[in-house]
Structures are given as C-alpha cells and as structure tokens.
Amino acid sequence: MVLRKLLSEAEIVVRHLIVLEAVMKNQPIGIFKLSELLNMPKHKVRYSLRTLEHAGIIEPTPHGAVIREGGEEQIKKLKDDYKSLMDYMKKIGEMIEKITE
C-alpha cells in the first residue's frame, strides 16, 4: 500500500550494498563472477553496478569493476544519507502510531 514502494526500494538498496561490499573485497571483479559469488542473477548485478557507477562509487575496467578514485568519499556519504533516512523513518513511525491510536 502506501509504504510498499519504499519497502521495494529498500530491498534494492540492500542489494546494491551487497554488490558494493563484494566489489570492495574482490576488485577487480566482473558481472559473471559477482553473479556466481553472490548467487544473484546477472541482470540484477548489472543494474546494481550501473547504479553504483552513476553514484560515483565504482568504475568499470577491462578486468572488472573497481572502486573509483574518490569513491571512498562517496561511500562515507552513504552514512550521512542513512542518518537522514532514519530521521524520516522515525517520523513515519511516529505518524503511523498517532493515526492508528
């Protein structure tokens, strides 16, 4: 219902973070190896890699994905984004509690 889209997006973010962690630990690494390592369909790995690339965190190389120069700063910004998201989640929880009393 109202929160289903948010839940769906959260599931995708978790997948992106799983892929990011695998790239960090195994770089350079390609789609096929990531798919096998994570037991995840190639199209989902490809989408996560594309999202991480657009976020300025990774870059493709002939040998596979790697953390790009300056990518560590983007990774650190994830923590700030998470804190902001948690503030919204707290507010959503409070509002739901209020309207369901």
PDB file of N, CA and C in Angstrom:
ATOM      1  N   MET A   1       0.839  -1.171   0.000  1.00  0.00           N
ATOM      2  CA  MET A   1       0.000   0.000   0.000  1.00  0.00           C
ATOM      3  C   MET A   1       0.889   1.239   0.000  1.00  0.00           C
ATOM      4  N   VAL A   2       0.718   2.102   0.969  1.00  0.00           N
ATOM      5  CA  VAL A   2       1.422   3.375   0.983  1.00  0.00           C
ATOM      6  C   VAL A   2       2.939   3.195   1.097  1.00  0.00           C
ATOM      7  N   LEU A   3       3.373   2.233   1.891  1.00  0.00           N
ATOM      8  CA  LEU A   3       4.806   2.045   2.127  1.00  0.00           C
ATOM      9  C   LEU A   3       5.444   0.964   1.249  1.00  0.00           C
ATOM     10  N   ARG A   4       4.664   0.312   0.399  1.00  0.00           N
ATOM     11  CA  ARG A   4       5.200  -0.795  -0.418  1.00  0.00           C
ATOM     12  C   ARG A   4       6.344  -0.350  -1.326  1.00  0.00           C
ATOM     13  N   LYS A   5       6.223   0.813  -1.943  1.00  0.00           N
ATOM     14  CA  LYS A   5       7.268   1.317  -2.839  1.00  0.00           C
ATOM     15  C   LYS A   5       8.562   1.552  -2.056  1.00  0.00           C
ATOM     16  N   LEU A   6       8.427   2.125  -0.860  1.00  0.00           N
ATOM     17  CA  LEU A   6       9.590   2.361  -0.015  1.00  0.00           C
ATOM     18  C   LEU A   6      10.255   1.038   0.372  1.00  0.00           C
ATOM     19  N   LEU A   7       9.465   0.050   0.709  1.00  0.00           N
ATOM     20  CA  LEU A   7       9.985  -1.267   1.053  1.00  0.00           C
ATOM     21  C   LEU A   7      10.722  -1.887  -0.135  1.00  0.00           C
ATOM     22  N   SER A   8      10.126  -1.781  -1.309  1.00  0.00           N
ATOM     23  CA  SER A   8      10.748  -2.309  -2.521  1.00  0.00           C
ATOM     24  C   SER A   8      12.090  -1.626  -2.793  1.00  0.00           C
ATOM     25  N   GLU A   9      12.118  -0.314  -2.644  1.00  0.00           N
ATOM     26  CA  GLU A   9      13.360   0.440  -2.858  1.00  0.00           C
ATOM     27  C   GLU A   9      14.413   0.059  -1.826  1.00  0.00           C
ATOM     28  N   ALA A  10      13.993  -0.162  -0.579  1.00  0.00           N
ATOM     29  CA  ALA A  10      14.935  -0.562   0.470  1.00  0.00           C
ATOM     30  C   ALA A  10      15.572  -1.907   0.138  1.00  0.00           C
ATOM     31  N   GLU A  11      14.786  -2.826  -0.401  1.00  0.00           N
ATOM     32  CA  GLU A  11      15.323  -4.134  -0.801  1.00  0.00           C
ATOM     33  C   GLU A  11      16.372  -3.974  -1.897  1.00  0.00           C
ATOM     34  N   ILE A  12      16.129  -3.062  -2.823  1.00  0.00           N
ATOM     35  CA  ILE A  12      17.090  -2.821  -3.905  1.00  0.00           C
ATOM     36  C   ILE A  12      18.362  -2.194  -3.350  1.00  0.00           C
ATOM     37  N   VAL A  13      18.228  -1.271  -2.416  1.00  0.00           N
ATOM     38  CA  VAL A  13      19.404  -0.640  -1.801  1.00  0.00           C
ATOM     39  C   VAL A  13      20.252  -1.689  -1.093  1.00  0.00           C
ATOM     40  N   VAL A  14      19.620  -2.606  -0.387  1.00  0.00           N
ATOM     41  CA  VAL A  14      20.371  -3.678   0.279  1.00  0.00           C
ATOM     42  C   VAL A  14      21.164  -4.470  -0.764  1.00  0.00           C
ATOM     43  N   ARG A  15      20.544  -4.770  -1.898  1.00  0.00           N
ATOM     44  CA  ARG A  15      21.246  -5.496  -2.965  1.00  0.00           C
ATOM     45  C   ARG A  15      22.439  -4.685  -3.461  1.00  0.00           C
ATOM     46  N   HIS A  16      22.258  -3.378  -3.679  1.00  0.00           N
ATOM     47  CA  HIS A  16      23.366  -2.534  -4.131  1.00  0.00           C
ATOM     48  C   HIS A  16      24.518  -2.584  -3.132  1.00  0.00           C
ATOM     49  N   LEU A  17      24.198  -2.544  -1.842  1.00  0.00           N
ATOM     50  CA  LEU A  17      25.239  -2.567  -0.816  1.00  0.00           C
ATOM     51  C   LEU A  17      25.948  -3.920  -0.751  1.00  0.00           C
ATOM     52  N   ILE A  18      25.215  -4.984  -0.987  1.00  0.00           N
ATOM     53  CA  ILE A  18      25.829  -6.321  -1.040  1.00  0.00           C
ATOM     54  C   ILE A  18      26.811  -6.375  -2.203  1.00  0.00           C
ATOM     55  N   VAL A  19      26.407  -5.861  -3.362  1.00  0.00           N
ATOM     56  CA  VAL A  19      27.283  -5.838  -4.535  1.00  0.00           C
ATOM     57  C   VAL A  19      28.495  -4.950  -4.261  1.00  0.00           C
ATOM     58  N   LEU A  20      28.275  -3.787  -3.658  1.00  0.00           N
ATOM     59  CA  LEU A  20      29.385  -2.885  -3.336  1.00  0.00           C
ATOM     60  C   LEU A  20      30.397  -3.567  -2.434  1.00  0.00           C
ATOM     61  N   GLU A  21      29.912  -4.223  -1.401  1.00  0.00           N
ATOM     62  CA  GLU A  21      30.821  -4.910  -0.476  1.00  0.00           C
ATOM     63  C   GLU A  21      31.640  -5.978  -1.207  1.00  0.00           C
ATOM     64  N   ALA A  22      30.990  -6.715  -2.107  1.00  0.00           N
ATOM     65  CA  ALA A  22      31.692  -7.758  -2.866  1.00  0.00           C
ATOM     66  C   ALA A  22      32.743  -7.144  -3.788  1.00  0.00           C
ATOM     67  N   VAL A  23      32.428  -6.024  -4.410  1.00  0.00           N
ATOM     68  CA  VAL A  23      33.413  -5.345  -5.267  1.00  0.00           C
ATOM     69  C   VAL A  23      34.593  -4.896  -4.425  1.00  0.00           C
ATOM     70  N   MET A  24      34.318  -4.309  -3.273  1.00  0.00           N
ATOM     71  CA  MET A  24      35.394  -3.834  -2.398  1.00  0.00           C
ATOM     72  C   MET A  24      36.340  -4.964  -2.003  1.00  0.00           C
ATOM     73  N   LYS A  25      35.789  -6.127  -1.727  1.00  0.00           N
ATOM     74  CA  LYS A  25      36.593  -7.261  -1.261  1.00  0.00           C
ATOM     75  C   LYS A  25      37.288  -8.017  -2.395  1.00  0.00           C
ATOM     76  N   ASN A  26      36.758  -7.917  -3.627  1.00  0.00           N
ATOM     77  CA  ASN A  26      37.247  -8.787  -4.710  1.00  0.00           C
ATOM     78  C   ASN A  26      37.694  -8.038  -5.955  1.00  0.00           C
ATOM     79  N   GLN A  27      37.848  -6.734  -5.879  1.00  0.00           N
ATOM     80  CA  GLN A  27      38.160  -5.959  -7.078  1.00  0.00           C
ATOM     81  C   GLN A  27      39.510  -6.317  -7.674  1.00  0.00           C
ATOM     82  N   PRO A  28      39.624  -6.255  -8.973  1.00  0.00           N
ATOM     83  CA  PRO A  28      38.555  -6.051  -9.949  1.00  0.00           C
ATOM     84  C   PRO A  28      37.726  -7.332 -10.102  1.00  0.00           C
ATOM     85  N   ILE A  29      36.444  -7.128 -10.330  1.00  0.00           N
ATOM     86  CA  ILE A  29      35.548  -8.279 -10.465  1.00  0.00           C
ATOM     87  C   ILE A  29      34.453  -7.957 -11.479  1.00  0.00           C
ATOM     88  N   GLY A  30      34.151  -8.937 -12.316  1.00  0.00           N
ATOM     89  CA  GLY A  30      33.156  -8.758 -13.362  1.00  0.00           C
ATOM     90  C   GLY A  30      31.780  -9.262 -12.967  1.00  0.00           C
ATOM     91  N   ILE A  31      30.844  -9.007 -13.844  1.00  0.00           N
ATOM     92  CA  ILE A  31      29.440  -9.360 -13.613  1.00  0.00           C
ATOM     93  C   ILE A  31      29.266 -10.858 -13.395  1.00  0.00           C
ATOM     94  N   PHE A  32      29.886 -11.669 -14.238  1.00  0.00           N
ATOM     95  CA  PHE A  32      29.692 -13.117 -14.140  1.00  0.00           C
ATOM     96  C   PHE A  32      30.217 -13.655 -12.814  1.00  0.00           C
ATOM     97  N   LYS A  33      31.388 -13.189 -12.401  1.00  0.00           N
ATOM     98  CA  LYS A  33      31.973 -13.648 -11.137  1.00  0.00           C
ATOM     99  C   LYS A  33      31.135 -13.161  -9.951  1.00  0.00           C
ATOM    100  N   LEU A  34      30.687 -11.906 -10.002  1.00  0.00           N
ATOM    101  CA  LEU A  34      29.830 -11.382  -8.935  1.00  0.00           C
ATOM    102  C   LEU A  34      28.537 -12.179  -8.838  1.00  0.00           C
ATOM    103  N   SER A  35      27.947 -12.460  -9.974  1.00  0.00           N
ATOM    104  CA  SER A  35      26.703 -13.217 -10.009  1.00  0.00           C
ATOM    105  C   SER A  35      26.883 -14.583  -9.353  1.00  0.00           C
ATOM    106  N   GLU A  36      27.975 -15.225  -9.690  1.00  0.00           N
ATOM    107  CA  GLU A  36      28.273 -16.545  -9.123  1.00  0.00           C
ATOM    108  C   GLU A  36      28.567 -16.439  -7.627  1.00  0.00           C
ATOM    109  N   LEU A  37      29.399 -15.486  -7.249  1.00  0.00           N
ATOM    110  CA  LEU A  37      29.809 -15.299  -5.862  1.00  0.00           C
ATOM    111  C   LEU A  37      28.616 -14.982  -4.957  1.00  0.00           C
ATOM    112  N   LEU A  38      27.704 -14.134  -5.447  1.00  0.00           N
ATOM    113  CA  LEU A  38      26.571 -13.677  -4.648  1.00  0.00           C
ATOM    114  C   LEU A  38      25.306 -14.500  -4.865  1.00  0.00           C
ATOM    115  N   ASN A  39      25.380 -15.446  -5.793  1.00  0.00           N
ATOM    116  CA  ASN A  39      24.201 -16.243  -6.140  1.00  0.00           C
ATOM    117  C   ASN A  39      23.027 -15.321  -6.498  1.00  0.00           C
ATOM    118  N   MET A  40      23.325 -14.403  -7.415  1.00  0.00           N
ATOM    119  CA  MET A  40      22.379 -13.368  -7.802  1.00  0.00           C
ATOM    120  C   MET A  40      22.316 -13.329  -9.327  1.00  0.00           C
ATOM    121  N   PRO A  41      21.143 -13.146  -9.898  1.00  0.00           N
ATOM    122  CA  PRO A  41      21.037 -13.090 -11.363  1.00  0.00           C
ATOM    123  C   PRO A  41      21.905 -11.966 -11.955  1.00  0.00           C
ATOM    124  N   LYS A  42      22.480 -12.234 -13.111  1.00  0.00           N
ATOM    125  CA  LYS A  42      23.369 -11.271 -13.766  1.00  0.00           C
ATOM    126  C   LYS A  42      22.690  -9.926 -14.011  1.00  0.00           C
ATOM    127  N   HIS A  43      21.405  -9.946 -14.378  1.00  0.00           N
ATOM    128  CA  HIS A  43      20.744  -8.670 -14.676  1.00  0.00           C
ATOM    129  C   HIS A  43      20.623  -7.800 -13.417  1.00  0.00           C
ATOM    130  N   LYS A  44      20.484  -8.419 -12.265  1.00  0.00           N
ATOM    131  CA  LYS A  44      20.414  -7.653 -11.021  1.00  0.00           C
ATOM    132  C   LYS A  44      21.793  -7.114 -10.643  1.00  0.00           C
ATOM    133  N   VAL A  45      22.822  -7.923 -10.835  1.00  0.00           N
ATOM    134  CA  VAL A  45      24.191  -7.468 -10.581  1.00  0.00           C
ATOM    135  C   VAL A  45      24.523  -6.302 -11.512  1.00  0.00           C
ATOM    136  N   ARG A  46      24.171  -6.445 -12.778  1.00  0.00           N
ATOM    137  CA  ARG A  46      24.441  -5.392 -13.766  1.00  0.00           C
ATOM    138  C   ARG A  46      23.756  -4.086 -13.369  1.00  0.00           C
ATOM    139  N   TYR A  47      22.505  -4.162 -12.935  1.00  0.00           N
ATOM    140  CA  TYR A  47      21.767  -2.964 -12.523  1.00  0.00           C
ATOM    141  C   TYR A  47      22.428  -2.322 -11.305  1.00  0.00           C
ATOM    142  N   SER A  48      22.826  -3.133 -10.337  1.00  0.00           N
ATOM    143  CA  SER A  48      23.487  -2.592  -9.148  1.00  0.00           C
ATOM    144  C   SER A  48      24.816  -1.942  -9.504  1.00  0.00           C
ATOM    145  N   LEU A  49      25.584  -2.580 -10.367  1.00  0.00           N
ATOM    146  CA  LEU A  49      26.853  -1.996 -10.793  1.00  0.00           C
ATOM    147  C   LEU A  49      26.628  -0.665 -11.506  1.00  0.00           C
ATOM    148  N   ARG A  50      25.631  -0.604 -12.348  1.00  0.00           N
ATOM    149  CA  ARG A  50      25.322   0.640 -13.070  1.00  0.00           C
ATOM    150  C   ARG A  50      24.923   1.737 -12.079  1.00  0.00           C
ATOM    151  N   THR A  51      24.120   1.383 -11.095  1.00  0.00           N
ATOM    152  CA  THR A  51      23.700   2.355 -10.084  1.00  0.00           C
ATOM    153  C   THR A  51      24.903   2.859  -9.281  1.00  0.00           C
ATOM    154  N   LEU A  52      25.774   1.958  -8.878  1.00  0.00           N
ATOM    155  CA  LEU A  52      26.970   2.332  -8.128  1.00  0.00           C
ATOM    156  C   LEU A  52      27.925   3.172  -8.972  1.00  0.00           C
ATOM    157  N   GLU A  53      27.977   2.883 -10.264  1.00  0.00           N
ATOM    158  CA  GLU A  53      28.804   3.682 -11.169  1.00  0.00           C
ATOM    159  C   GLU A  53      28.236   5.097 -11.290  1.00  0.00           C
ATOM    160  N   HIS A  54      26.934   5.223 -11.472  1.00  0.00           N
ATOM    161  CA  HIS A  54      26.301   6.537 -11.585  1.00  0.00           C
ATOM    162  C   HIS A  54      26.430   7.333 -10.292  1.00  0.00           C
ATOM    163  N   ALA A  55      26.557   6.638  -9.158  1.00  0.00           N
ATOM    164  CA  ALA A  55      26.736   7.305  -7.870  1.00  0.00           C
ATOM    165  C   ALA A  55      28.187   7.751  -7.653  1.00  0.00           C
ATOM    166  N   GLY A  56      29.063   7.397  -8.582  1.00  0.00           N
ATOM    167  CA  GLY A  56      30.463   7.804  -8.473  1.00  0.00           C
ATOM    168  C   GLY A  56      31.280   6.956  -7.526  1.00  0.00           C
ATOM    169  N   ILE A  57      30.805   5.742  -7.250  1.00  0.00           N
ATOM    170  CA  ILE A  57      31.493   4.877  -6.291  1.00  0.00           C
ATOM    171  C   ILE A  57      32.423   3.888  -6.987  1.00  0.00           C
ATOM    172  N   ILE A  58      31.969   3.295  -8.073  1.00  0.00           N
ATOM    173  CA  ILE A  58      32.794   2.316  -8.789  1.00  0.00           C
ATOM    174  C   ILE A  58      32.991   2.774 -10.222  1.00  0.00           C
ATOM    175  N   GLU A  59      33.896   2.091 -10.894  1.00  0.00           N
ATOM    176  CA  GLU A  59      34.074   2.319 -12.322  1.00  0.00           C
ATOM    177  C   GLU A  59      34.402   0.991 -12.994  1.00  0.00           C
ATOM    178  N   PRO A  60      33.960   0.853 -14.223  1.00  0.00           N
ATOM    179  CA  PRO A  60      34.286  -0.374 -14.951  1.00  0.00           C
ATOM    180  C   PRO A  60      35.714  -0.292 -15.498  1.00  0.00           C
ATOM    181  N   THR A  61      36.374  -1.423 -15.528  1.00  0.00           N
ATOM    182  CA  THR A  61      37.693  -1.529 -16.171  1.00  0.00           C
ATOM    183  C   THR A  61      37.643  -2.764 -17.042  1.00  0.00           C
ATOM    184  N   PRO A  62      38.634  -2.948 -17.903  1.00  0.00           N
ATOM    185  CA  PRO A  62      38.652  -4.171 -18.722  1.00  0.00           C
ATOM    186  C   PRO A  62      38.702  -5.458 -17.888  1.00  0.00           C
ATOM    187  N   HIS A  63      39.135  -5.336 -16.632  1.00  0.00           N
ATOM    188  CA  HIS A  63      39.257  -6.517 -15.766  1.00  0.00           C
ATOM    189  C   HIS A  63      38.082  -6.672 -14.813  1.00  0.00           C
ATOM    190  N   GLY A  64      37.165  -5.711 -14.804  1.00  0.00           N
ATOM    191  CA  GLY A  64      36.013  -5.759 -13.922  1.00  0.00           C
ATOM    192  C   GLY A  64      35.844  -4.474 -13.139  1.00  0.00           C
ATOM    193  N   ALA A  65      34.842  -4.457 -12.293  1.00  0.00           N
ATOM    194  CA  ALA A  65      34.523  -3.267 -11.506  1.00  0.00           C
ATOM    195  C   ALA A  65      35.543  -3.058 -10.397  1.00  0.00           C
ATOM    196  N   VAL A  66      35.869  -1.787 -10.162  1.00  0.00           N
ATOM    197  CA  VAL A  66      36.762  -1.395  -9.072  1.00  0.00           C
ATOM    198  C   VAL A  66      36.190  -0.148  -8.406  1.00  0.00           C
ATOM    199  N   ILE A  67      36.634   0.108  -7.177  1.00  0.00           N
ATOM    200  CA  ILE A  67      36.272   1.357  -6.506  1.00  0.00           C
ATOM    201  C   ILE A  67      37.045   2.459  -7.217  1.00  0.00           C
ATOM    202  N   ARG A  68      36.324   3.491  -7.639  1.00  0.00           N
ATOM    203  CA  ARG A  68      36.981   4.558  -8.393  1.00  0.00           C
ATOM    204  C   ARG A  68      37.735   5.481  -7.450  1.00  0.00           C
ATOM    205  N   GLU A  69      38.666   6.216  -7.991  1.00  0.00           N
ATOM    206  CA  GLU A  69      39.389   7.199  -7.205  1.00  0.00           C
ATOM    207  C   GLU A  69      38.368   8.208  -6.672  1.00  0.00           C
ATOM    208  N   GLY A  70      38.366   8.427  -5.391  1.00  0.00           N
ATOM    209  CA  GLY A  70      37.383   9.302  -4.769  1.00  0.00           C
ATOM    210  C   GLY A  70      36.110   8.571  -4.363  1.00  0.00           C
ATOM    211  N   GLY A  71      36.003   7.315  -4.717  1.00  0.00           N
ATOM    212  CA  GLY A  71      34.820   6.533  -4.379  1.00  0.00           C
ATOM    213  C   GLY A  71      34.637   6.355  -2.882  1.00  0.00           C
ATOM    214  N   GLU A  72      35.751   6.349  -2.153  1.00  0.00           N
ATOM    215  CA  GLU A  72      35.669   6.194  -0.700  1.00  0.00           C
ATOM    216  C   GLU A  72      34.874   7.342  -0.078  1.00  0.00           C
ATOM    217  N   GLU A  73      35.027   8.541  -0.650  1.00  0.00           N
ATOM    218  CA  GLU A  73      34.270   9.690  -0.137  1.00  0.00           C
ATOM    219  C   GLU A  73      32.776   9.498  -0.361  1.00  0.00           C
ATOM    220  N   GLN A  74      32.413   8.951  -1.510  1.00  0.00           N
ATOM    221  CA  GLN A  74      31.000   8.680  -1.791  1.00  0.00           C
ATOM    222  C   GLN A  74      30.458   7.617  -0.841  1.00  0.00           C
ATOM    223  N   ILE A  75      31.296   6.643  -0.527  1.00  0.00           N
ATOM    224  CA  ILE A  75      30.885   5.592   0.412  1.00  0.00           C
ATOM    225  C   ILE A  75      30.643   6.194   1.794  1.00  0.00           C
ATOM    226  N   LYS A  76      31.511   7.110   2.227  1.00  0.00           N
ATOM    227  CA  LYS A  76      31.331   7.774   3.519  1.00  0.00           C
ATOM    228  C   LYS A  76      30.042   8.588   3.546  1.00  0.00           C
ATOM    229  N   LYS A  77      29.667   9.171   2.414  1.00  0.00           N
ATOM    230  CA  LYS A  77      28.431   9.955   2.342  1.00  0.00           C
ATOM    231  C   LYS A  77      27.196   9.068   2.526  1.00  0.00           C
ATOM    232  N   LEU A  78      27.335   7.784   2.264  1.00  0.00           N
ATOM    233  CA  LEU A  78      26.221   6.857   2.481  1.00  0.00           C
ATOM    234  C   LEU A  78      25.764   6.892   3.936  1.00  0.00           C
ATOM    235  N   LYS A  79      26.710   7.048   4.840  1.00  0.00           N
ATOM    236  CA  LYS A  79      26.371   7.087   6.258  1.00  0.00           C
ATOM    237  C   LYS A  79      25.502   8.302   6.571  1.00  0.00           C
ATOM    238  N   ASP A  80      25.826   9.450   5.980  1.00  0.00           N
ATOM    239  CA  ASP A  80      25.006  10.652   6.183  1.00  0.00           C
ATOM    240  C   ASP A  80      23.611  10.459   5.599  1.00  0.00           C
ATOM    241  N   ASP A  81      23.553   9.875   4.407  1.00  0.00           N
ATOM    242  CA  ASP A  81      22.253   9.613   3.787  1.00  0.00           C
ATOM    243  C   ASP A  81      21.428   8.663   4.648  1.00  0.00           C
ATOM    244  N   TYR A  82      22.087   7.670   5.213  1.00  0.00           N
ATOM    245  CA  TYR A  82      21.404   6.713   6.086  1.00  0.00           C
ATOM    246  C   TYR A  82      20.834   7.415   7.312  1.00  0.00           C
ATOM    247  N   LYS A  83      21.612   8.308   7.913  1.00  0.00           N
ATOM    248  CA  LYS A  83      21.137   9.033   9.093  1.00  0.00           C
ATOM    249  C   LYS A  83      19.913   9.877   8.746  1.00  0.00           C
ATOM    250  N   SER A  84      19.929  10.530   7.590  1.00  0.00           N
ATOM    251  CA  SER A  84      18.774  11.327   7.163  1.00  0.00           C
ATOM    252  C   SER A  84      17.561  10.441   6.937  1.00  0.00           C
ATOM    253  N   LEU A  85      17.781   9.295   6.326  1.00  0.00           N
ATOM    254  CA  LEU A  85      16.696   8.350   6.087  1.00  0.00           C
ATOM    255  C   LEU A  85      16.104   7.874   7.410  1.00  0.00           C
ATOM    256  N   MET A  86      16.948   7.593   8.381  1.00  0.00           N
ATOM    257  CA  MET A  86      16.458   7.126   9.671  1.00  0.00           C
ATOM    258  C   MET A  86      15.629   8.203  10.374  1.00  0.00           C
ATOM    259  N   ASP A  87      15.994   9.470  10.184  1.00  0.00           N
ATOM    260  CA  ASP A  87      15.180  10.555  10.743  1.00  0.00           C
ATOM    261  C   ASP A  87      13.779  10.517  10.139  1.00  0.00           C
ATOM    262  N   TYR A  88      13.707  10.314   8.821  1.00  0.00           N
ATOM    263  CA  TYR A  88      12.397  10.207   8.171  1.00  0.00           C
ATOM    264  C   TYR A  88      11.640   8.972   8.646  1.00  0.00           C
ATOM    265  N   MET A  89      12.344   7.863   8.807  1.00  0.00           N
ATOM    266  CA  MET A  89      11.686   6.638   9.256  1.00  0.00           C
ATOM    267  C   MET A  89      11.109   6.815  10.659  1.00  0.00           C
ATOM    268  N   LYS A  90      11.834   7.514  11.504  1.00  0.00           N
ATOM    269  CA  LYS A  90      11.331   7.793  12.856  1.00  0.00           C
ATOM    270  C   LYS A  90      10.054   8.625  12.776  1.00  0.00           C
ATOM    271  N   LYS A  91      10.081   9.632  11.926  1.00  0.00           N
ATOM    272  CA  LYS A  91       8.903  10.487  11.760  1.00  0.00           C
ATOM    273  C   LYS A  91       7.724   9.688  11.204  1.00  0.00           C
ATOM    274  N   ILE A  92       7.979   8.823  10.237  1.00  0.00           N
ATOM    275  CA  ILE A  92       6.915   7.979   9.674  1.00  0.00           C
ATOM    276  C   ILE A  92       6.336   7.096  10.778  1.00  0.00           C
ATOM    277  N   GLY A  93       7.203   6.484  11.583  1.00  0.00           N
ATOM    278  CA  GLY A  93       6.732   5.628  12.678  1.00  0.00           C
ATOM    279  C   GLY A  93       5.864   6.385  13.661  1.00  0.00           C
ATOM    280  N   GLU A  94       6.311   7.582  14.022  1.00  0.00           N
ATOM    281  CA  GLU A  94       5.531   8.408  14.952  1.00  0.00           C
ATOM    282  C   GLU A  94       4.173   8.762  14.368  1.00  0.00           C
ATOM    283  N   MET A  95       4.139   9.100  13.090  1.00  0.00           N
ATOM    284  CA  MET A  95       2.880   9.478  12.450  1.00  0.00           C
ATOM    285  C   MET A  95       1.939   8.279  12.351  1.00  0.00           C
ATOM    286  N   ILE A  96       2.478   7.116  12.040  1.00  0.00           N
ATOM    287  CA  ILE A  96       1.646   5.916  11.961  1.00  0.00           C
ATOM    288  C   ILE A  96       1.073   5.584  13.328  1.00  0.00           C
ATOM    289  N   GLU A  97       1.905   5.677  14.355  1.00  0.00           N
ATOM    290  CA  GLU A  97       1.429   5.435  15.717  1.00  0.00           C
ATOM    291  C   GLU A  97       0.294   6.404  16.062  1.00  0.00           C
ATOM    292  N   LYS A  98       0.465   7.643  15.700  1.00  0.00           N
ATOM    293  CA  LYS A  98      -0.529   8.682  16.017  1.00  0.00           C
ATOM    294  C   LYS A  98      -1.875   8.413  15.313  1.00  0.00           C
ATOM    295  N   ILE A  99      -1.814   8.049  14.050  1.00  0.00           N
ATOM    296  CA  ILE A  99      -3.064   7.863  13.299  1.00  0.00           C
ATOM    297  C   ILE A  99      -3.719   6.511  13.529  1.00  0.00           C
ATOM    298  N   THR A 100      -3.012   5.594  14.171  1.00  0.00           N
ATOM    299  CA  THR A 100      -3.596   4.274  14.432  1.00  0.00           C
ATOM    300  C   THR A 100      -3.991   4.082  15.891  1.00  0.00           C
ATOM    301  N   GLU A 101      -3.881   5.120  16.678  1.00  0.00           N
ATOM    302  CA  GLU A 101      -4.259   5.006  18.103  1.00  0.00           C
ATOM    303  C   GLU A 101      -5.747   4.825  18.257  1.00  0.00           C
TER     304      GLU A 101
END
